[in-house]
Amino acid sequence: MAVKLGGGGHPSRGHSRRRKFAAMADINVTPMVDVMLVLLIIFMVTAPLLTVGVEVELPKTSAEAMSNPEEPLVVTVRSDNAVFLQETQIGIEEVGPRLKAITMNKPDTIIYVRGDATANWDGIAQVLAELQANGFNKVGIVTDTKASGEPEKKK
């Protein structure tokens, strides 16, 4: 077994020459990519669950779905005539002022009204009147589409 102690000697033979080690400047990004992929999967799974809103049974119609690139402003009327703006319960008299504040007083903003199929029409009509009184004329009523082959109810 031979050991080189690096004593005197000629520098060209490598006896006293010290090796210089440079610091490694590379960053290992593999753990960061793993964490990002896990976060991506978590957000992809939870995002649809966050957009449910207030639970109501929408009336069935044969109208086609509307497309809107912006996030919609939704006023919901439950069967007990409770009124919600997005997911916050408010009084009917607060609908107009709150929507004006949210839209920065732009009356051409589209407002969607969701009414429970078993809701009293009076509550939905009051919300529509409140929207009109505050200058919101672009109002859409949200319904659910009929499933094909579903029989229509006759009274």
C-alpha atoms as a PDB file:
ATOM      1  CA  MET A   1       0.000   0.000   0.000  1.00  0.00           C
ATOM      2  CA  ALA A   2       1.483   3.294  -1.046  1.00  0.00           C
ATOM      3  CA  VAL A   3       0.644   6.714   0.330  1.00  0.00           C
ATOM      4  CA  LYS A   4       1.752  10.000  -1.172  1.00  0.00           C
ATOM      5  CA  LEU A   5       2.337  12.618   1.517  1.00  0.00           C
ATOM      6  CA  GLY A   6       3.102  15.499  -0.838  1.00  0.00           C
ATOM      7  CA  GLY A   7       6.470  16.532   0.534  1.00  0.00           C
ATOM      8  CA  GLY A   8       9.039  18.511  -1.424  1.00  0.00           C
ATOM      9  CA  GLY A   9       9.695  17.784  -4.986  1.00  0.00           C
ATOM     10  CA  HIS A  10       9.462  19.297  -8.373  1.00  0.00           C
ATOM     11  CA  PRO A  11       6.196  21.180  -9.026  1.00  0.00           C
ATOM     12  CA  SER A  12       5.988  19.831 -12.528  1.00  0.00           C
ATOM     13  CA  ARG A  13       5.748  16.315 -11.157  1.00  0.00           C
ATOM     14  CA  GLY A  14       2.679  17.253  -9.097  1.00  0.00           C
ATOM     15  CA  HIS A  15       4.186  16.614  -5.684  1.00  0.00           C
ATOM     16  CA  SER A  16       3.429  19.964  -4.056  1.00  0.00           C
ATOM     17  CA  ARG A  17       0.760  21.173  -6.381  1.00  0.00           C
ATOM     18  CA  ARG A  18      -2.568  21.673  -4.592  1.00  0.00           C
ATOM     19  CA  ARG A  19      -5.757  20.961  -6.403  1.00  0.00           C
ATOM     20  CA  LYS A  20      -8.247  23.761  -6.348  1.00  0.00           C
ATOM     21  CA  PHE A  21     -11.853  22.727  -6.114  1.00  0.00           C
ATOM     22  CA  ALA A  22     -14.401  25.192  -7.440  1.00  0.00           C
ATOM     23  CA  ALA A  23     -17.725  25.534  -5.635  1.00  0.00           C
ATOM     24  CA  MET A  24     -20.599  23.924  -7.468  1.00  0.00           C
ATOM     25  CA  ALA A  25     -22.842  26.713  -8.793  1.00  0.00           C
ATOM     26  CA  ASP A  26     -25.665  24.499 -10.101  1.00  0.00           C
ATOM     27  CA  ILE A  27     -29.003  24.387  -8.298  1.00  0.00           C
ATOM     28  CA  ASN A  28     -30.798  21.096  -8.024  1.00  0.00           C
ATOM     29  CA  VAL A  29     -34.337  21.922  -9.198  1.00  0.00           C
ATOM     30  CA  THR A  30     -35.753  18.406  -9.005  1.00  0.00           C
ATOM     31  CA  PRO A  31     -37.232  18.803  -5.486  1.00  0.00           C
ATOM     32  CA  MET A  32     -38.762  22.145  -6.475  1.00  0.00           C
ATOM     33  CA  VAL A  33     -40.375  20.599  -9.568  1.00  0.00           C
ATOM     34  CA  ASP A  34     -41.775  17.778  -7.437  1.00  0.00           C
ATOM     35  CA  VAL A  35     -43.325  20.242  -5.002  1.00  0.00           C
ATOM     36  CA  MET A  36     -44.798  22.316  -7.839  1.00  0.00           C
ATOM     37  CA  LEU A  37     -46.372  19.258  -9.456  1.00  0.00           C
ATOM     38  CA  VAL A  38     -47.976  18.248  -6.165  1.00  0.00           C
ATOM     39  CA  LEU A  39     -49.327  21.794  -5.686  1.00  0.00           C
ATOM     40  CA  LEU A  40     -50.639  21.827  -9.252  1.00  0.00           C
ATOM     41  CA  ILE A  41     -52.534  18.591  -8.680  1.00  0.00           C
ATOM     42  CA  ILE A  42     -53.957  19.863  -5.385  1.00  0.00           C
ATOM     43  CA  PHE A  43     -55.203  23.093  -6.975  1.00  0.00           C
ATOM     44  CA  MET A  44     -56.644  21.255  -9.979  1.00  0.00           C
ATOM     45  CA  VAL A  45     -58.656  19.009  -7.671  1.00  0.00           C
ATOM     46  CA  THR A  46     -59.865  21.723  -5.271  1.00  0.00           C
ATOM     47  CA  ALA A  47     -60.647  24.525  -7.767  1.00  0.00           C
ATOM     48  CA  PRO A  48     -63.934  23.047  -9.053  1.00  0.00           C
ATOM     49  CA  LEU A  49     -65.087  22.492  -5.482  1.00  0.00           C
ATOM     50  CA  LEU A  50     -64.678  26.192  -4.653  1.00  0.00           C
ATOM     51  CA  THR A  51     -67.007  27.471  -7.389  1.00  0.00           C
ATOM     52  CA  VAL A  52     -70.202  25.760  -6.252  1.00  0.00           C
ATOM     53  CA  GLY A  53     -71.832  28.758  -4.587  1.00  0.00           C
ATOM     54  CA  VAL A  54     -75.208  28.645  -2.893  1.00  0.00           C
ATOM     55  CA  GLU A  55     -77.063  25.360  -3.329  1.00  0.00           C
ATOM     56  CA  VAL A  56     -80.332  25.821  -5.235  1.00  0.00           C
ATOM     57  CA  GLU A  57     -82.388  23.623  -7.525  1.00  0.00           C
ATOM     58  CA  LEU A  58     -82.526  25.499 -10.833  1.00  0.00           C
ATOM     59  CA  PRO A  59     -85.567  25.303 -13.096  1.00  0.00           C
ATOM     60  CA  LYS A  60     -85.119  23.183 -16.245  1.00  0.00           C
ATOM     61  CA  THR A  61     -85.268  24.846 -19.690  1.00  0.00           C
ATOM     62  CA  SER A  62     -84.170  24.068 -23.223  1.00  0.00           C
ATOM     63  CA  ALA A  63     -82.098  27.262 -23.604  1.00  0.00           C
ATOM     64  CA  GLU A  64     -78.435  27.008 -24.611  1.00  0.00           C
ATOM     65  CA  ALA A  65     -75.642  27.976 -22.230  1.00  0.00           C
ATOM     66  CA  MET A  66     -74.303  31.537 -22.467  1.00  0.00           C
ATOM     67  CA  SER A  67     -70.589  32.221 -22.674  1.00  0.00           C
ATOM     68  CA  ASN A  68     -69.038  35.052 -20.677  1.00  0.00           C
ATOM     69  CA  PRO A  69     -65.242  35.501 -20.454  1.00  0.00           C
ATOM     70  CA  GLU A  70     -65.454  37.569 -17.254  1.00  0.00           C
ATOM     71  CA  GLU A  71     -66.258  36.247 -13.801  1.00  0.00           C
ATOM     72  CA  PRO A  72     -70.034  36.528 -13.478  1.00  0.00           C
ATOM     73  CA  LEU A  73     -71.792  38.473 -10.749  1.00  0.00           C
ATOM     74  CA  VAL A  74     -74.503  36.206  -9.399  1.00  0.00           C
ATOM     75  CA  VAL A  75     -77.510  37.051  -7.240  1.00  0.00           C
ATOM     76  CA  THR A  76     -79.190  33.930  -5.844  1.00  0.00           C
ATOM     77  CA  VAL A  77     -82.688  33.634  -4.378  1.00  0.00           C
ATOM     78  CA  ARG A  78     -83.279  30.489  -2.304  1.00  0.00           C
ATOM     79  CA  SER A  79     -86.631  28.818  -1.755  1.00  0.00           C
ATOM     80  CA  ASP A  80     -87.001  30.660   1.584  1.00  0.00           C
ATOM     81  CA  ASN A  81     -86.483  34.007  -0.278  1.00  0.00           C
ATOM     82  CA  ALA A  82     -83.011  34.479   1.248  1.00  0.00           C
ATOM     83  CA  VAL A  83     -80.927  36.609  -1.145  1.00  0.00           C
ATOM     84  CA  PHE A  84     -77.213  36.003  -1.752  1.00  0.00           C
ATOM     85  CA  LEU A  85     -74.689  38.101  -3.661  1.00  0.00           C
ATOM     86  CA  GLN A  86     -72.120  35.561  -4.850  1.00  0.00           C
ATOM     87  CA  GLU A  87     -71.969  33.509  -1.608  1.00  0.00           C
ATOM     88  CA  THR A  88     -72.775  36.242   0.938  1.00  0.00           C
ATOM     89  CA  GLN A  89     -76.302  36.558   2.305  1.00  0.00           C
ATOM     90  CA  ILE A  90     -77.658  40.103   2.047  1.00  0.00           C
ATOM     91  CA  GLY A  91     -80.991  41.897   2.231  1.00  0.00           C
ATOM     92  CA  ILE A  92     -82.895  42.791  -0.948  1.00  0.00           C
ATOM     93  CA  GLU A  93     -82.369  46.513  -0.290  1.00  0.00           C
ATOM     94  CA  GLU A  94     -78.570  45.945  -0.280  1.00  0.00           C
ATOM     95  CA  VAL A  95     -78.413  44.299  -3.726  1.00  0.00           C
ATOM     96  CA  GLY A  96     -78.256  47.523  -5.776  1.00  0.00           C
ATOM     97  CA  PRO A  97     -75.739  49.493  -3.682  1.00  0.00           C
ATOM     98  CA  ARG A  98     -73.402  46.515  -3.318  1.00  0.00           C
ATOM     99  CA  LEU A  99     -73.470  45.737  -7.034  1.00  0.00           C
ATOM    100  CA  LYS A 100     -72.795  49.404  -7.834  1.00  0.00           C
ATOM    101  CA  ALA A 101     -69.764  49.293  -5.537  1.00  0.00           C
ATOM    102  CA  ILE A 102     -68.491  46.007  -7.004  1.00  0.00           C
ATOM    103  CA  THR A 103     -68.957  47.099 -10.636  1.00  0.00           C
ATOM    104  CA  MET A 104     -67.591  50.583  -9.934  1.00  0.00           C
ATOM    105  CA  ASN A 105     -70.913  52.085 -11.050  1.00  0.00           C
ATOM    106  CA  LYS A 106     -70.898  50.444 -14.515  1.00  0.00           C
ATOM    107  CA  PRO A 107     -74.552  49.687 -15.299  1.00  0.00           C
ATOM    108  CA  ASP A 108     -73.656  47.703 -18.465  1.00  0.00           C
ATOM    109  CA  THR A 109     -72.267  44.857 -16.346  1.00  0.00           C
ATOM    110  CA  ILE A 110     -74.128  41.571 -16.811  1.00  0.00           C
ATOM    111  CA  ILE A 111     -75.781  40.296 -13.626  1.00  0.00           C
ATOM    112  CA  TYR A 112     -76.996  36.692 -13.367  1.00  0.00           C
ATOM    113  CA  VAL A 113     -79.996  35.864 -11.195  1.00  0.00           C
ATOM    114  CA  ARG A 114     -80.342  32.294  -9.923  1.00  0.00           C
ATOM    115  CA  GLY A 115     -83.675  31.405  -8.396  1.00  0.00           C
ATOM    116  CA  ASP A 116     -84.541  28.109  -6.767  1.00  0.00           C
ATOM    117  CA  ALA A 117     -87.201  26.230  -8.735  1.00  0.00           C
ATOM    118  CA  THR A 118     -89.375  26.147  -5.613  1.00  0.00           C
ATOM    119  CA  ALA A 119     -88.765  29.807  -4.720  1.00  0.00           C
ATOM    120  CA  ASN A 120     -91.663  32.217  -4.502  1.00  0.00           C
ATOM    121  CA  TRP A 121     -91.734  34.311  -7.680  1.00  0.00           C
ATOM    122  CA  ASP A 122     -92.267  37.411  -5.542  1.00  0.00           C
ATOM    123  CA  GLY A 123     -88.714  37.200  -4.131  1.00  0.00           C
ATOM    124  CA  ILE A 124     -87.157  36.844  -7.597  1.00  0.00           C
ATOM    125  CA  ALA A 125     -89.311  39.699  -8.956  1.00  0.00           C
ATOM    126  CA  GLN A 126     -88.206  41.960  -6.088  1.00  0.00           C
ATOM    127  CA  VAL A 127     -84.534  41.243  -6.895  1.00  0.00           C
ATOM    128  CA  LEU A 128     -85.133  41.972 -10.584  1.00  0.00           C
ATOM    129  CA  ALA A 129     -86.920  45.235  -9.699  1.00  0.00           C
ATOM    130  CA  GLU A 130     -84.082  46.234  -7.369  1.00  0.00           C
ATOM    131  CA  LEU A 131     -81.554  45.612 -10.160  1.00  0.00           C
ATOM    132  CA  GLN A 132     -83.571  47.677 -12.624  1.00  0.00           C
ATOM    133  CA  ALA A 133     -84.042  50.496 -10.106  1.00  0.00           C
ATOM    134  CA  ASN A 134     -80.268  50.688  -9.691  1.00  0.00           C
ATOM    135  CA  GLY A 135     -79.642  50.874 -13.459  1.00  0.00           C
ATOM    136  CA  PHE A 136     -78.643  47.257 -14.164  1.00  0.00           C
ATOM    137  CA  ASN A 137     -80.470  46.385 -17.381  1.00  0.00           C
ATOM    138  CA  LYS A 138     -78.300  43.482 -18.558  1.00  0.00           C
ATOM    139  CA  VAL A 139     -79.724  40.708 -16.399  1.00  0.00           C
ATOM    140  CA  GLY A 140     -79.648  37.004 -17.192  1.00  0.00           C
ATOM    141  CA  ILE A 141     -81.749  34.388 -15.450  1.00  0.00           C
ATOM    142  CA  VAL A 142     -79.812  31.170 -14.814  1.00  0.00           C
ATOM    143  CA  THR A 143     -81.604  27.886 -15.447  1.00  0.00           C
ATOM    144  CA  ASP A 144     -80.571  24.279 -15.804  1.00  0.00           C
ATOM    145  CA  THR A 145     -80.901  22.493 -19.150  1.00  0.00           C
ATOM    146  CA  LYS A 146     -83.381  19.661 -19.543  1.00  0.00           C
ATOM    147  CA  ALA A 147     -81.860  16.240 -19.967  1.00  0.00           C
ATOM    148  CA  SER A 148     -82.728  14.694 -23.330  1.00  0.00           C
ATOM    149  CA  GLY A 149     -85.666  12.347 -23.008  1.00  0.00           C
ATOM    150  CA  GLU A 150     -86.798  13.892 -19.727  1.00  0.00           C
ATOM    151  CA  PRO A 151     -90.574  14.181 -19.766  1.00  0.00           C
ATOM    152  CA  GLU A 152     -92.085  17.600 -19.269  1.00  0.00           C
ATOM    153  CA  LYS A 153     -94.276  18.039 -16.228  1.00  0.00           C
ATOM    154  CA  LYS A 154     -97.894  18.932 -16.991  1.00  0.00           C
ATOM    155  CA  LYS A 155    -100.197  20.422 -14.391  1.00  0.00           C
END
